[in-house]
Every structure is written in C-alpha cells, then in structure tokens.
Amino acid sequence: MYLPYEMRDARILISVKTSPLPSSKYEELVCTAGFLSDGKWIRLYPIPFRSLPYQDQYKKYHWITLSVIRNTKDFRPESYRPLIGVDDIRLGEHLGTENNWEERKKYALREVFTSMKSLIARAKGDERKSLATLKPREIIDFIIEPTEREWKPEWQDWLLQLNLFDRNTPGEGNRRKVVPKLPYKYFYRFLTEGDRQPRKIMIEDWELGALFWKCYYQYQRDETYANEQVKKKFFDEFVAKKDLYFFLGTTQKYHLVSPNPFIIIGVFYPPKRALPAQLKRPAAISDKNESVTQPPLFEL
C-alpha cells in the first residue's frame, strides 16, 4: 500500500493549488497536493478553499496539519480527503526561498523523473502513479490558446443557486463574486529524455491564472497585455533564469484512457546555479584531434 488508509494529524507541505472549479456541492473546489514529511506525494480533494476561514487559507509551501482518509471514490493511490472536515486544518510554518530554495528542494526534488515515457508507464501500471516531479530536457515554447469564456451552463446554474458569502473580509453578508473563468488555455511544449517529438501539455496552475487576472485588471482589462505578462514570466523568465521543474498530476477521468494522462499542475522554479568560474572560460584545445566536453549544468 502506498500510504495508510487513514492518517491522523498528517503534516503536509502544500506545493500545488490548481485553478478553482465550480462545484454543485462545495461552491468552488481547488485540487491541492503536496508532500508528507517523508517526501511522499499526497492529493487533497475536495477542498472548498475560499470557504475556509481567512486565517486557515494556506499558501504554497505552508505546512498544514489535518487528519485524512483515503478517498475511496478515487482509485489513484495519492488521493485523500479530510477525515473530520476542512475546519480541522491547522496552519503551520511557511518555507521560504532562502539559501536557493534549499528547504523546499528537500521535498520537491526527492524523486525527479526525466522521462515522460517512464512516468506514463508507472501511471498505467499497477502502481497507478498520479503525481510526480519532472525535469524537462528542453523547453521549446509556451502556447496560449483561446477557449470558452463562460462556465458550462450547469455550472453557472449551481453557482447562481448557492448563497455565496465571502469569509475573507471582516463581518458577514458580503456577497462573494463568482470566480471568473480563464478565457485561455496555456501549454508548455518540451522534450524529455528519449523523446523524438516535443510534447504539448496543459498548465493548470493557480499562480498562472492569478497572474493573468492581476495584469488584466491593472492594465485596463487588456487581455493581450495580460497574456504577454504571463508568457514573459512563465517562459522568458522561468526558462532563462530559473531551474525549472514541472509538478505533474493526472485527472481521474482520463488516467486510464488517455495516452498521456498528465497535466502540469504546478511549476517549481528555483534560481539557476551559477557555473563555476573555471567552466565559464573557453577551454584551450592543444591538438585539432582533441576535444573537450563541458559537463551539462544538471550534472554539476
């Protein structure tokens, strides 16, 4: 068994929050995932995040404590739900980015895949692996595509029927705004070890959606500008200046039927380490038949 059926007072380091989706029962749901103290992945679902009291609304890389139990409606071994309820969540320490993200790396990089083919085989096999950290070999492009601008009609009906109140501000009776739907889809095109053709995988990261809406509202509701800023950060900055990893997760619906059931549910982007000075200087070659091979960055 991957993890015990029930875990009392489990400590979880939150590393993933996906974009919220409407729900007929929970108003809005956020898929949350992270690492246990031993470095194993765990998924928490359902979590009605905006219904949590403000003081319990965790950020990425917060430690939280709560009792959990296997989500028997989900065959994926990492999937758990709160045993008592979301009111049982206790907020703990927040891990910062000091010392080149060293504390976060202890958990995020404990198991890193370099081949999508190998990872998919693990997902399709008896293990049913559905959460993983991936290091791409080469990131080729960042793609933005328009999509439906409104939630599905049945989702809109659910939201209209619910009495939504905002607990994030003092007092009661503040009507909560329905979470807006992102009118675009975002993808990375990249290669992993053994790939002959680039892969195109969708990104469902809370940070990306939040960045789009922040730029959209700050710059006169200009979607073109907002998308330019998203690409500037997630492609121009992350690829050039960061040591970029993907947090991948499967969707339950497509885990067993899709050739590649994974989507990017988060990104991990510590700064790139500077090359030692001796490796920055061009190597001298004394004979035309000799060659000098500089080790790639990830082997240093």
Protein backbone atom coordinates (compact mmCIF):
# COMPACT_ATOMS: atom_id res chain seq x y z
CA MET A 1 0.00 0.00 0.00
CA TYR A 2 1.33 3.43 -0.94
CA LEU A 3 0.09 5.12 2.24
CA PRO A 4 -2.04 4.06 5.25
CA TYR A 5 -5.79 4.10 4.78
CA GLU A 6 -6.15 6.75 7.48
CA MET A 7 -3.62 9.24 8.83
CA ARG A 8 -4.28 11.26 11.97
CA ASP A 9 -2.65 14.69 12.21
CA ALA A 10 -0.79 14.31 8.93
CA ARG A 11 1.72 17.09 8.20
CA ILE A 12 1.55 18.16 4.55
CA LEU A 13 3.71 20.69 2.74
CA ILE A 14 1.41 22.34 0.19
CA SER A 15 3.11 22.56 -3.21
CA VAL A 16 0.18 22.60 -5.65
CA LYS A 17 -3.04 24.59 -5.87
CA THR A 18 -4.85 24.32 -9.18
CA SER A 19 -7.24 26.88 -10.59
CA PRO A 20 -10.64 26.71 -8.82
CA LEU A 21 -13.60 25.00 -10.47
CA PRO A 22 -17.32 25.36 -9.70
CA SER A 23 -18.98 22.53 -7.78
CA SER A 24 -22.62 21.65 -7.21
CA LYS A 25 -21.90 20.82 -3.57
CA TYR A 26 -18.89 22.86 -2.47
CA GLU A 27 -19.30 26.16 -4.38
CA GLU A 28 -15.74 26.07 -5.74
CA LEU A 29 -13.14 23.36 -5.45
CA VAL A 30 -9.36 23.57 -5.54
CA CYS A 31 -7.24 20.48 -6.08
CA THR A 32 -4.47 20.66 -3.50
CA ALA A 33 -1.39 18.45 -3.43
CA GLY A 34 1.85 18.35 -1.55
CA PHE A 35 4.41 16.30 0.29
CA LEU A 36 4.23 14.41 3.55
CA SER A 37 7.12 14.65 5.98
CA ASP A 38 8.75 11.59 4.36
CA GLY A 39 8.59 13.20 0.90
CA LYS A 40 5.68 11.15 -0.48
CA TRP A 41 3.07 12.90 -2.61
CA ILE A 42 -0.49 13.29 -1.38
CA ARG A 43 -3.58 14.82 -3.04
CA LEU A 44 -6.34 16.51 -1.01
CA TYR A 45 -9.76 16.66 -2.60
CA PRO A 46 -12.32 18.08 -2.17
CA ILE A 47 -11.13 21.33 -0.59
CA PRO A 48 -13.57 24.29 -0.81
CA PHE A 49 -10.66 26.71 -0.42
CA ARG A 50 -12.48 30.05 -0.38
CA SER A 51 -14.89 28.72 2.25
CA LEU A 52 -12.02 28.32 4.69
CA PRO A 53 -11.70 30.99 7.38
CA TYR A 54 -9.17 33.57 6.26
CA GLN A 55 -6.62 32.54 8.89
CA ASP A 56 -6.68 28.95 7.57
CA GLN A 57 -6.21 29.76 3.88
CA TYR A 58 -2.83 28.26 3.17
CA LYS A 59 -0.35 29.43 0.55
CA LYS A 60 2.07 27.27 -1.39
CA TYR A 61 4.82 25.89 0.85
CA HIS A 62 2.82 26.20 4.00
CA TRP A 63 2.90 23.21 6.29
CA ILE A 64 -0.63 22.24 7.29
CA THR A 65 -1.81 19.60 9.72
CA LEU A 66 -5.07 17.67 9.43
CA SER A 67 -6.40 14.15 9.69
CA VAL A 68 -7.06 12.47 6.33
CA ILE A 69 -8.61 9.29 4.96
CA ARG A 70 -8.35 7.56 1.59
CA ASN A 71 -10.78 8.94 -0.96
CA THR A 72 -12.45 5.66 -1.91
CA LYS A 73 -14.18 7.31 -4.89
CA ASP A 74 -10.77 7.77 -6.49
CA PHE A 75 -8.56 4.81 -7.47
CA ARG A 76 -5.38 6.92 -7.53
CA PRO A 77 -3.27 5.95 -4.50
CA GLU A 78 -2.29 9.50 -3.52
CA SER A 79 -5.89 10.73 -3.23
CA TYR A 80 -7.17 11.56 0.26
CA ARG A 81 -9.91 13.70 1.77
CA PRO A 82 -10.23 15.42 5.15
CA LEU A 83 -11.34 12.91 7.78
CA ILE A 84 -13.10 15.42 10.02
CA GLY A 85 -13.58 18.37 7.68
CA VAL A 86 -11.77 21.46 6.48
CA ASP A 87 -12.23 23.05 9.89
CA ASP A 88 -9.62 20.56 11.09
CA ILE A 89 -6.89 22.26 9.01
CA ARG A 90 -4.18 23.84 11.16
CA LEU A 91 -1.78 26.24 9.52
CA GLY A 92 1.92 25.82 10.28
CA GLU A 93 5.29 27.15 9.18
CA HIS A 94 5.83 28.63 5.73
CA LEU A 95 9.01 27.51 3.92
CA GLY A 96 10.71 30.47 2.25
CA THR A 97 13.18 30.72 -0.62
CA GLU A 98 16.31 31.30 1.46
CA ASN A 99 19.57 29.58 0.51
CA ASN A 100 18.49 28.96 -3.09
CA TRP A 101 15.20 27.27 -2.07
CA GLU A 102 17.13 24.62 -0.15
CA GLU A 103 14.34 23.70 2.30
CA ARG A 104 11.76 23.38 -0.46
CA LYS A 105 14.12 21.26 -2.56
CA LYS A 106 14.36 18.68 0.23
CA TYR A 107 10.80 17.64 -0.59
CA ALA A 108 10.14 18.76 -4.18
CA LEU A 109 13.27 17.15 -5.63
CA ARG A 110 13.39 13.96 -3.59
CA GLU A 111 12.11 11.98 -6.59
CA VAL A 112 12.54 13.55 -10.03
CA PHE A 113 11.60 11.97 -13.36
CA THR A 114 13.45 12.88 -16.54
CA SER A 115 11.38 10.73 -18.95
CA MET A 116 7.67 11.14 -19.63
CA LYS A 117 7.62 7.67 -21.16
CA SER A 118 8.84 6.15 -17.91
CA LEU A 119 6.39 8.18 -15.84
CA ILE A 120 3.41 7.27 -18.01
CA ALA A 121 4.35 3.60 -17.70
CA ARG A 122 4.22 3.95 -13.92
CA ALA A 123 0.81 5.64 -14.18
CA LYS A 124 -0.60 2.89 -16.41
CA GLY A 125 0.92 0.03 -14.42
CA ASP A 126 -0.16 -1.48 -11.13
CA GLU A 127 1.31 1.45 -9.21
CA ARG A 128 -1.21 3.90 -10.77
CA LYS A 129 1.16 6.77 -10.02
CA SER A 130 -0.63 10.09 -10.49
CA LEU A 131 1.65 12.78 -9.00
CA ALA A 132 5.28 13.43 -9.85
CA THR A 133 8.07 15.97 -10.31
CA LEU A 134 9.50 16.14 -13.83
CA LYS A 135 12.68 17.79 -15.11
CA PRO A 136 12.25 18.54 -18.85
CA ARG A 137 15.30 18.14 -21.09
CA GLU A 138 14.42 21.16 -23.22
CA ILE A 139 11.56 23.66 -23.09
CA ILE A 140 10.69 24.75 -26.61
CA ASP A 141 7.67 27.03 -26.39
CA PHE A 142 4.84 28.45 -24.32
CA ILE A 143 1.48 28.33 -26.12
CA ILE A 144 -1.65 30.37 -25.45
CA GLU A 145 -4.96 29.30 -26.99
CA PRO A 146 -8.43 30.86 -26.60
CA THR A 147 -11.14 28.71 -25.04
CA GLU A 148 -14.75 29.03 -23.85
CA ARG A 149 -15.25 32.28 -22.00
CA GLU A 150 -18.03 31.11 -19.68
CA TRP A 151 -18.52 28.16 -17.37
CA LYS A 152 -20.67 25.30 -18.57
CA PRO A 153 -24.41 26.14 -18.25
CA GLU A 154 -24.94 23.57 -15.49
CA TRP A 155 -22.03 25.03 -13.51
CA GLN A 156 -23.47 28.53 -13.88
CA ASP A 157 -26.81 27.24 -12.53
CA TRP A 158 -25.10 25.72 -9.49
CA LEU A 159 -23.34 28.97 -8.72
CA LEU A 160 -26.50 31.06 -9.05
CA GLN A 161 -28.38 28.76 -6.67
CA LEU A 162 -25.73 28.90 -3.98
CA ASN A 163 -25.79 31.55 -1.29
CA LEU A 164 -22.17 32.64 -1.59
CA PHE A 165 -20.76 34.80 1.17
CA ASP A 166 -17.20 35.99 1.47
CA ARG A 167 -15.41 34.99 4.66
CA ASN A 168 -12.19 36.68 3.62
CA THR A 169 -13.29 40.09 4.91
CA PRO A 170 -14.46 41.01 8.41
CA GLY A 171 -18.16 40.63 9.08
CA GLU A 172 -20.86 38.67 7.33
CA GLY A 173 -23.14 39.37 4.41
CA ASN A 174 -20.56 40.34 1.81
CA ARG A 175 -21.73 38.80 -1.42
CA ARG A 176 -18.96 36.67 -2.90
CA LYS A 177 -18.08 37.16 -6.54
CA VAL A 178 -18.17 34.03 -8.67
CA VAL A 179 -14.67 33.02 -9.66
CA PRO A 180 -14.11 34.15 -13.27
CA LYS A 181 -13.26 31.58 -15.90
CA LEU A 182 -9.93 31.94 -17.66
CA PRO A 183 -10.70 32.59 -21.35
CA TYR A 184 -7.42 30.98 -22.44
CA LYS A 185 -5.57 27.69 -22.11
CA TYR A 186 -1.83 27.58 -21.57
CA PHE A 187 0.64 24.89 -22.58
CA TYR A 188 4.35 24.10 -22.46
CA ARG A 189 6.00 22.38 -25.44
CA PHE A 190 9.03 20.45 -24.29
CA LEU A 191 11.20 17.37 -24.64
CA THR A 192 12.15 14.79 -22.03
CA GLU A 193 14.76 12.04 -22.18
CA GLY A 194 14.06 9.66 -25.07
CA ASP A 195 11.51 11.92 -26.80
CA ARG A 196 11.81 12.32 -30.55
CA GLN A 197 8.92 14.78 -30.84
CA PRO A 198 8.01 17.63 -28.48
CA ARG A 199 5.16 17.12 -26.05
CA LYS A 200 2.42 19.71 -25.51
CA ILE A 201 0.91 19.63 -22.02
CA MET A 202 -1.63 21.99 -20.47
CA ILE A 203 -0.86 24.07 -17.37
CA GLU A 204 -3.45 24.23 -14.57
CA ASP A 205 -1.51 26.27 -12.01
CA TRP A 206 -3.22 28.68 -9.60
CA GLU A 207 -0.31 31.13 -9.96
CA LEU A 208 -0.77 31.43 -13.72
CA GLY A 209 -4.46 32.26 -13.52
CA ALA A 210 -3.88 34.71 -10.68
CA LEU A 211 -1.18 36.48 -12.70
CA PHE A 212 -3.48 36.79 -15.73
CA TRP A 213 -6.29 38.38 -13.73
CA LYS A 214 -3.94 40.68 -11.82
CA CYS A 215 -2.45 42.07 -15.05
CA TYR A 216 -5.86 42.19 -16.75
CA TYR A 217 -7.43 44.38 -14.08
CA GLN A 218 -4.34 46.54 -13.53
CA TYR A 219 -3.99 47.42 -17.21
CA GLN A 220 -7.47 48.49 -18.33
CA ARG A 221 -8.79 44.95 -18.87
CA ASP A 222 -6.39 44.32 -21.72
CA GLU A 223 -6.22 40.55 -22.35
CA THR A 224 -3.35 40.89 -24.84
CA TYR A 225 -1.22 42.67 -22.27
CA ALA A 226 -2.16 40.15 -19.56
CA ASN A 227 -1.13 37.22 -21.76
CA GLU A 228 2.14 38.96 -22.67
CA GLN A 229 2.95 39.24 -18.96
CA VAL A 230 2.05 35.59 -18.34
CA LYS A 231 4.37 34.45 -21.14
CA LYS A 232 7.09 36.83 -20.01
CA LYS A 233 7.11 35.21 -16.58
CA PHE A 234 6.36 31.55 -17.35
CA PHE A 235 8.54 31.33 -20.47
CA ASP A 236 11.01 34.20 -20.83
CA GLU A 237 11.92 34.41 -17.14
CA PHE A 238 11.47 30.83 -15.98
CA VAL A 239 13.35 29.25 -18.89
CA ALA A 240 16.21 31.75 -18.99
CA LYS A 241 16.76 32.40 -15.30
CA LYS A 242 15.23 29.51 -13.38
CA ASP A 243 15.99 25.83 -12.88
CA LEU A 244 12.51 24.83 -13.99
CA TYR A 245 10.68 21.65 -12.95
CA PHE A 246 7.07 20.63 -13.51
CA PHE A 247 4.71 19.20 -10.92
CA LEU A 248 2.53 16.77 -12.88
CA GLY A 249 -0.78 15.20 -11.99
CA THR A 250 -3.37 13.05 -13.73
CA THR A 251 -7.08 13.64 -13.91
CA GLN A 252 -9.16 10.74 -12.62
CA LYS A 253 -11.37 10.75 -15.73
CA TYR A 254 -8.50 10.32 -18.19
CA HIS A 255 -5.92 8.49 -16.10
CA LEU A 256 -6.62 5.06 -17.59
CA VAL A 257 -7.79 6.05 -21.08
CA SER A 258 -5.58 8.88 -22.29
CA PRO A 259 -2.19 8.05 -23.89
CA ASN A 260 -0.73 10.77 -21.69
CA PRO A 261 -2.98 11.42 -18.68
CA PHE A 262 -0.75 14.09 -17.08
CA ILE A 263 -1.20 17.84 -16.95
CA ILE A 264 1.11 20.42 -15.36
CA ILE A 265 -0.47 21.31 -12.03
CA GLY A 266 2.39 23.44 -10.77
CA VAL A 267 5.87 24.71 -11.52
CA PHE A 268 8.96 24.67 -9.30
CA TYR A 269 11.47 27.34 -10.25
CA PRO A 270 14.49 27.91 -8.01
CA PRO A 271 17.20 30.16 -9.49
CA LYS A 272 19.76 28.55 -11.74
CA ARG A 273 23.05 27.90 -10.03
CA ALA A 274 25.94 29.97 -11.39
CA LEU A 275 28.57 27.99 -13.24
CA PRO A 276 31.95 27.80 -11.50
CA ALA A 277 34.38 30.38 -12.88
CA GLN A 278 36.67 27.76 -14.40
CA LEU A 279 33.80 26.42 -16.52
CA LYS A 280 32.94 29.84 -17.90
CA ARG A 281 36.31 30.26 -19.60
CA PRO A 282 36.66 28.66 -23.06
CA ALA A 283 38.71 25.51 -22.89
CA ALA A 284 42.02 25.53 -24.72
CA ILE A 285 42.48 22.74 -27.26
CA SER A 286 46.11 21.87 -27.89
CA ASP A 287 45.56 19.46 -30.79
CA LYS A 288 42.93 19.56 -33.52
CA ASN A 289 42.09 15.90 -32.84
CA GLU A 290 41.37 16.56 -29.19
CA SER A 291 38.00 17.62 -27.87
CA VAL A 292 36.86 18.98 -24.54
CA THR A 293 33.34 18.25 -23.33
CA GLN A 294 31.87 20.59 -20.74
CA PRO A 295 29.52 18.78 -18.37
CA PRO A 296 25.90 19.93 -18.63
CA LEU A 297 24.57 22.07 -15.83
CA PHE A 298 22.42 19.38 -14.26
CA GLU A 299 25.45 17.15 -13.67
CA LEU A 300 27.42 19.76 -11.74
